[in-house]
N, C-alpha and C. Protein backbone atom coordinates (compact mmCIF):
# COMPACT_ATOMS: atom_id res chain seq x y z
N UNK A 1 62.99 19.39 139.11
CA UNK A 1 64.28 19.75 138.59
C UNK A 1 64.37 19.51 137.09
N UNK A 2 63.76 18.42 136.62
CA UNK A 2 63.82 18.12 135.20
C UNK A 2 63.12 19.19 134.37
N UNK A 3 62.02 19.75 134.87
CA UNK A 3 61.33 20.80 134.12
C UNK A 3 62.19 22.06 134.05
N UNK A 4 62.96 22.35 135.11
CA UNK A 4 63.89 23.48 135.07
C UNK A 4 64.97 23.25 134.03
N UNK A 5 65.49 22.05 133.99
CA UNK A 5 66.52 21.70 133.02
C UNK A 5 65.97 21.82 131.60
N UNK A 6 64.78 21.29 131.37
CA UNK A 6 64.16 21.39 130.05
C UNK A 6 63.92 22.84 129.66
N UNK A 7 63.53 23.65 130.62
CA UNK A 7 63.32 25.08 130.35
C UNK A 7 64.64 25.74 129.92
N UNK A 8 65.72 25.44 130.61
CA UNK A 8 67.02 26.01 130.25
C UNK A 8 67.45 25.56 128.86
N UNK A 9 67.24 24.30 128.55
CA UNK A 9 67.59 23.80 127.22
C UNK A 9 66.77 24.52 126.16
N UNK A 10 65.49 24.74 126.42
CA UNK A 10 64.63 25.49 125.49
C UNK A 10 65.14 26.91 125.30
N UNK A 11 65.64 27.51 126.38
CA UNK A 11 66.13 28.89 126.31
C UNK A 11 67.36 29.03 125.42
N UNK A 12 68.05 27.94 125.14
CA UNK A 12 69.19 27.99 124.23
C UNK A 12 68.77 28.40 122.83
N UNK A 13 67.49 28.26 122.51
CA UNK A 13 66.96 28.62 121.19
C UNK A 13 66.21 29.94 121.19
N UNK A 14 66.28 30.66 122.28
CA UNK A 14 65.56 31.93 122.39
C UNK A 14 66.11 32.93 121.37
N UNK A 15 65.25 33.82 120.88
CA UNK A 15 65.69 34.81 119.89
C UNK A 15 66.66 35.84 120.46
N UNK A 16 66.60 36.08 121.75
CA UNK A 16 67.47 37.07 122.40
C UNK A 16 68.79 36.40 122.82
N UNK A 17 69.90 36.93 122.31
CA UNK A 17 71.20 36.32 122.62
C UNK A 17 71.53 36.38 124.10
N UNK A 18 71.06 37.40 124.81
CA UNK A 18 71.32 37.49 126.25
C UNK A 18 70.65 36.33 127.00
N UNK A 19 69.49 35.94 126.56
CA UNK A 19 68.79 34.79 127.17
C UNK A 19 69.58 33.52 126.88
N UNK A 20 70.08 33.37 125.65
CA UNK A 20 70.87 32.19 125.30
C UNK A 20 72.16 32.13 126.12
N UNK A 21 72.79 33.29 126.33
CA UNK A 21 74.01 33.34 127.14
C UNK A 21 73.71 32.91 128.57
N UNK A 22 72.64 33.45 129.14
CA UNK A 22 72.29 33.10 130.52
C UNK A 22 71.95 31.61 130.64
N UNK A 23 71.32 31.06 129.62
CA UNK A 23 71.02 29.62 129.65
C UNK A 23 72.31 28.82 129.65
N UNK A 24 73.27 29.22 128.82
CA UNK A 24 74.58 28.54 128.81
C UNK A 24 75.23 28.61 130.18
N UNK A 25 75.22 29.77 130.76
CA UNK A 25 75.86 29.96 132.07
C UNK A 25 75.14 29.15 133.15
N UNK A 26 73.83 29.10 133.09
CA UNK A 26 73.06 28.35 134.09
C UNK A 26 73.30 26.85 133.97
N UNK A 27 73.48 26.38 132.75
CA UNK A 27 73.71 24.95 132.54
C UNK A 27 75.10 24.51 132.99
N UNK A 28 75.98 25.46 133.23
CA UNK A 28 77.34 25.14 133.68
C UNK A 28 77.34 24.34 134.97
N UNK A 29 76.35 24.54 135.80
CA UNK A 29 76.28 23.85 137.09
C UNK A 29 75.53 22.52 137.02
N UNK A 30 75.06 22.17 135.84
CA UNK A 30 74.32 20.91 135.72
C UNK A 30 75.31 19.77 135.48
N UNK A 31 74.87 18.60 135.72
CA UNK A 31 75.71 17.43 135.44
C UNK A 31 74.94 16.43 134.59
N UNK A 32 73.97 16.93 133.86
CA UNK A 32 73.11 16.07 133.06
C UNK A 32 73.65 15.92 131.65
N UNK A 33 73.79 14.70 131.21
CA UNK A 33 74.36 14.44 129.89
C UNK A 33 73.47 14.97 128.76
N UNK A 34 72.19 15.11 129.02
CA UNK A 34 71.30 15.60 127.95
C UNK A 34 71.53 17.07 127.60
N UNK A 35 72.36 17.76 128.36
CA UNK A 35 72.66 19.16 128.04
C UNK A 35 73.80 19.29 127.02
N UNK A 36 74.59 18.25 126.84
CA UNK A 36 75.79 18.33 126.01
C UNK A 36 75.47 18.62 124.55
N UNK A 37 74.60 17.85 123.94
CA UNK A 37 74.29 18.05 122.51
C UNK A 37 73.66 19.42 122.24
N UNK A 38 72.68 19.85 123.04
CA UNK A 38 72.14 21.20 122.80
C UNK A 38 73.20 22.28 122.94
N UNK A 39 74.11 22.11 123.89
CA UNK A 39 75.19 23.09 124.05
C UNK A 39 76.15 23.05 122.87
N UNK A 40 76.43 21.87 122.36
CA UNK A 40 77.31 21.77 121.19
C UNK A 40 76.71 22.52 120.00
N UNK A 41 75.39 22.47 119.87
CA UNK A 41 74.76 23.20 118.76
C UNK A 41 74.95 24.70 118.90
N UNK A 42 75.16 25.17 120.13
CA UNK A 42 75.36 26.60 120.36
C UNK A 42 76.73 27.07 119.88
N UNK A 43 77.63 26.16 119.59
CA UNK A 43 78.94 26.54 119.06
C UNK A 43 78.84 27.12 117.66
N UNK A 44 77.67 26.96 117.03
CA UNK A 44 77.42 27.51 115.70
C UNK A 44 76.55 28.77 115.76
N UNK A 45 76.29 29.26 116.95
CA UNK A 45 75.42 30.42 117.12
C UNK A 45 76.01 31.63 116.40
N UNK A 46 75.14 32.51 115.92
CA UNK A 46 75.58 33.72 115.23
C UNK A 46 76.27 34.71 116.16
N UNK A 47 75.98 34.61 117.44
CA UNK A 47 76.51 35.56 118.41
C UNK A 47 77.80 35.01 119.03
N UNK A 48 78.87 35.79 118.95
CA UNK A 48 80.17 35.32 119.45
C UNK A 48 80.15 35.06 120.96
N UNK A 49 79.37 35.83 121.70
CA UNK A 49 79.32 35.65 123.15
C UNK A 49 78.59 34.37 123.52
N UNK A 50 77.59 34.01 122.75
CA UNK A 50 76.90 32.74 122.97
C UNK A 50 77.89 31.60 122.72
N UNK A 51 78.64 31.69 121.61
CA UNK A 51 79.63 30.65 121.30
C UNK A 51 80.66 30.54 122.42
N UNK A 52 81.12 31.68 122.91
CA UNK A 52 82.12 31.69 123.98
C UNK A 52 81.58 31.02 125.26
N UNK A 53 80.38 31.41 125.67
CA UNK A 53 79.81 30.84 126.90
C UNK A 53 79.47 29.36 126.72
N UNK A 54 79.04 28.98 125.54
CA UNK A 54 78.77 27.56 125.28
C UNK A 54 80.06 26.76 125.38
N UNK A 55 81.15 27.31 124.85
CA UNK A 55 82.45 26.63 124.94
C UNK A 55 82.88 26.47 126.38
N UNK A 56 82.80 27.54 127.15
CA UNK A 56 83.18 27.48 128.57
C UNK A 56 82.35 26.44 129.32
N UNK A 57 81.06 26.43 129.06
CA UNK A 57 80.18 25.49 129.75
C UNK A 57 80.50 24.06 129.36
N UNK A 58 80.69 23.82 128.07
CA UNK A 58 81.01 22.47 127.63
C UNK A 58 82.32 21.98 128.22
N UNK A 59 83.31 22.85 128.31
CA UNK A 59 84.59 22.44 128.89
C UNK A 59 84.49 22.20 130.39
N UNK A 60 83.49 22.80 131.02
CA UNK A 60 83.24 22.53 132.44
C UNK A 60 82.56 21.17 132.61
N UNK A 61 81.69 20.83 131.67
CA UNK A 61 80.89 19.61 131.79
C UNK A 61 81.53 18.37 131.18
N UNK A 62 82.48 18.56 130.26
CA UNK A 62 83.09 17.43 129.57
C UNK A 62 84.61 17.55 129.64
N UNK A 63 85.28 16.59 129.08
CA UNK A 63 86.74 16.65 129.01
C UNK A 63 87.16 17.25 127.67
N UNK A 64 88.38 17.72 127.62
CA UNK A 64 88.92 18.26 126.38
C UNK A 64 88.90 17.17 125.31
N UNK A 65 89.19 15.95 125.70
CA UNK A 65 89.19 14.84 124.75
C UNK A 65 87.83 14.65 124.10
N UNK A 66 86.77 14.86 124.87
CA UNK A 66 85.41 14.72 124.33
C UNK A 66 85.05 15.87 123.39
N UNK A 67 85.79 16.95 123.50
CA UNK A 67 85.47 18.16 122.74
C UNK A 67 86.47 18.45 121.62
N UNK A 68 87.42 17.56 121.38
CA UNK A 68 88.53 17.87 120.49
C UNK A 68 88.07 18.31 119.10
N UNK A 69 87.11 17.63 118.50
CA UNK A 69 86.65 18.02 117.16
C UNK A 69 86.04 19.41 117.16
N UNK A 70 85.23 19.71 118.17
CA UNK A 70 84.61 21.03 118.26
C UNK A 70 85.67 22.10 118.52
N UNK A 71 86.65 21.79 119.35
CA UNK A 71 87.69 22.77 119.65
C UNK A 71 88.54 23.08 118.43
N UNK A 72 88.84 22.07 117.65
CA UNK A 72 89.59 22.30 116.41
C UNK A 72 88.79 23.19 115.48
N UNK A 73 87.51 22.93 115.38
CA UNK A 73 86.63 23.77 114.55
C UNK A 73 86.62 25.22 115.03
N UNK A 74 86.63 25.41 116.35
CA UNK A 74 86.58 26.76 116.91
C UNK A 74 87.87 27.55 116.67
N UNK A 75 88.95 26.87 116.34
CA UNK A 75 90.19 27.58 116.02
C UNK A 75 90.04 28.45 114.78
N UNK A 76 89.04 28.16 113.96
CA UNK A 76 88.75 28.95 112.77
C UNK A 76 87.67 29.99 112.99
N UNK A 77 87.21 30.15 114.22
CA UNK A 77 86.15 31.11 114.50
C UNK A 77 86.60 32.52 114.15
N UNK A 78 85.66 33.33 113.69
CA UNK A 78 85.98 34.71 113.30
C UNK A 78 86.33 35.60 114.49
N UNK A 79 85.92 35.18 115.68
CA UNK A 79 86.16 36.01 116.86
C UNK A 79 87.39 35.51 117.63
N UNK A 80 88.35 36.40 117.91
CA UNK A 80 89.55 35.97 118.63
C UNK A 80 89.28 35.47 120.05
N UNK A 81 88.25 36.00 120.71
CA UNK A 81 87.94 35.54 122.07
C UNK A 81 87.41 34.12 122.06
N UNK A 82 86.65 33.78 121.05
CA UNK A 82 86.15 32.40 120.94
C UNK A 82 87.34 31.47 120.67
N UNK A 83 88.24 31.89 119.78
CA UNK A 83 89.42 31.07 119.49
C UNK A 83 90.28 30.88 120.74
N UNK A 84 90.32 31.89 121.59
CA UNK A 84 91.12 31.85 122.81
C UNK A 84 90.66 30.75 123.75
N UNK A 85 89.36 30.52 123.81
CA UNK A 85 88.83 29.52 124.72
C UNK A 85 88.95 28.16 124.12
């Protein structure tokens, strides 16, 4: 299981945004704390859909209180859908 988790975390850095999105979505069902920081880094991704899915996943895995600084930062995102989440 750990190798699968490591593989998904590695996929967050894949050059293809669709792969990064799928990695974010797949990590939504994990409960491993080591996924939080890599997912937080995805909030700065160039692709708005990656940022959106990373936000959704992080809010599934953590509390709003744990994400408050990142959520405030996302209010300035250029994409309205990212700001919505």
